[in-house]
Amino acid sequence: MIEKLWPAMARTAHAKKPTTQRLMDHINETIGKQFDTQALAEDTNEIARKAAADLWRPLERNELESRDQLREQRNEENIKSYNNLMETLNSLLRGDSL
């Protein structure tokens, strides 16, 4: 979603009418309130894992490995999405589309 939303906002022509500008401001405000800013890459150190396991329950080895794999997959997807977004925004700048 972020790969489509920000470039669409960047492509939007500057508004001179106050009502159009208020609409754009409202959209930006709504985006800021409703969409959490996600970490690009998540990482948990061994101390935090140990504390969580002690508080909750010991994790099975395969559970820990599958969680690590899932975190790595999410990190890769987030980084890919971010890179795509930056490429799109850069191409908009280079093409004088803003």
Protein backbone atom coordinates (compact mmCIF):
# COMPACT_ATOMS: atom_id res chain seq x y z
CA MET A 1 0.00 0.00 0.00
CA ILE A 2 2.75 2.45 0.91
CA GLU A 3 4.35 1.86 -2.49
CA LYS A 4 1.19 3.24 -4.15
CA LEU A 5 0.02 5.82 -1.63
CA TRP A 6 3.05 8.11 -1.33
CA PRO A 7 3.80 8.29 -5.07
CA ALA A 8 0.12 9.13 -5.71
CA MET A 9 0.33 11.93 -3.14
CA ALA A 10 3.57 13.17 -4.72
CA ARG A 11 2.01 13.20 -8.21
CA THR A 12 -0.93 15.28 -7.05
CA ALA A 13 -0.78 18.77 -8.47
CA HIS A 14 -0.38 21.67 -6.06
CA ALA A 15 -3.79 23.05 -5.15
CA LYS A 16 -4.54 26.74 -5.09
CA LYS A 17 -8.12 26.42 -3.90
CA PRO A 18 -8.40 26.39 -0.09
CA THR A 19 -10.96 23.57 -0.15
CA THR A 20 -8.67 21.33 -2.19
CA GLN A 21 -5.72 22.15 0.05
CA ARG A 22 -7.80 21.35 3.15
CA LEU A 23 -8.76 18.02 1.58
CA MET A 24 -5.08 17.18 0.97
CA ASP A 25 -4.22 18.22 4.53
CA HIS A 26 -7.03 16.04 5.85
CA ILE A 27 -5.78 13.06 3.82
CA ASN A 28 -2.25 13.54 5.18
CA GLU A 29 -3.57 13.83 8.73
CA THR A 30 -5.69 10.70 8.34
CA ILE A 31 -2.75 8.74 6.98
CA GLY A 32 -0.64 9.83 9.94
CA LYS A 33 -3.31 8.76 12.44
CA GLN A 34 -4.45 5.49 10.87
CA PHE A 35 -1.23 3.97 9.59
CA ASP A 36 1.48 3.06 12.05
CA THR A 37 5.02 3.70 11.02
CA GLN A 38 6.61 0.29 10.73
CA ALA A 39 10.18 -0.55 11.48
CA LEU A 40 12.06 -1.33 8.32
CA ALA A 41 13.79 -4.28 9.97
CA GLU A 42 12.89 -5.93 13.24
CA ASP A 43 15.54 -7.39 15.44
CA THR A 44 15.40 -8.97 18.87
CA ASN A 45 18.51 -9.70 20.83
CA GLU A 46 19.12 -12.87 22.84
CA ILE A 47 18.58 -11.12 26.21
CA ALA A 48 15.09 -10.01 25.18
CA ARG A 49 14.23 -13.51 23.92
CA LYS A 50 15.41 -15.08 27.16
CA ALA A 51 13.41 -12.61 29.26
CA ALA A 52 10.28 -13.24 27.19
CA ALA A 53 10.70 -17.01 27.45
CA ASP A 54 11.24 -16.79 31.23
CA LEU A 55 8.14 -14.66 31.66
CA TRP A 56 5.94 -16.71 29.38
CA ARG A 57 7.20 -20.23 28.81
CA PRO A 58 10.28 -21.86 27.37
CA LEU A 59 10.24 -21.89 23.58
CA GLU A 60 10.82 -25.07 21.68
CA ARG A 61 13.83 -24.96 19.37
CA ASN A 62 11.68 -25.30 16.24
CA GLU A 63 9.40 -22.48 17.48
CA LEU A 64 12.34 -20.16 17.86
CA GLU A 65 13.67 -21.05 14.42
CA SER A 66 10.30 -20.55 12.73
CA ARG A 67 9.89 -17.17 14.43
CA ASP A 68 13.35 -16.16 13.28
CA GLN A 69 12.52 -17.23 9.73
CA LEU A 70 9.24 -15.31 9.81
CA ARG A 71 10.98 -12.19 11.13
CA GLU A 72 13.64 -12.44 8.42
CA GLN A 73 10.96 -12.85 5.76
CA ARG A 74 9.09 -9.77 7.04
CA ASN A 75 12.33 -7.80 7.14
CA GLU A 76 13.13 -8.74 3.54
CA GLU A 77 9.61 -7.80 2.39
CA ASN A 78 9.78 -4.46 4.24
CA ILE A 79 13.16 -3.62 2.76
CA LYS A 80 11.99 -4.59 -0.74
CA SER A 81 8.86 -2.44 -0.35
CA TYR A 82 10.92 0.51 0.93
CA ASN A 83 13.40 0.20 -1.95
CA ASN A 84 10.53 0.08 -4.47
CA LEU A 85 9.02 3.19 -2.90
CA MET A 86 12.33 5.07 -3.03
CA GLU A 87 12.85 4.07 -6.68
CA THR A 88 9.36 5.27 -7.59
CA LEU A 89 9.77 8.59 -5.77
CA ASN A 90 13.21 9.09 -7.33
CA SER A 91 11.86 8.39 -10.81
CA LEU A 92 9.13 10.99 -10.17
CA LEU A 93 11.79 13.54 -9.22
CA ARG A 94 13.99 12.75 -12.22
CA GLY A 95 11.02 12.92 -14.56
CA ASP A 96 9.92 16.33 -13.25
CA SER A 97 6.51 14.81 -12.57
CA LEU A 98 6.08 16.56 -9.26
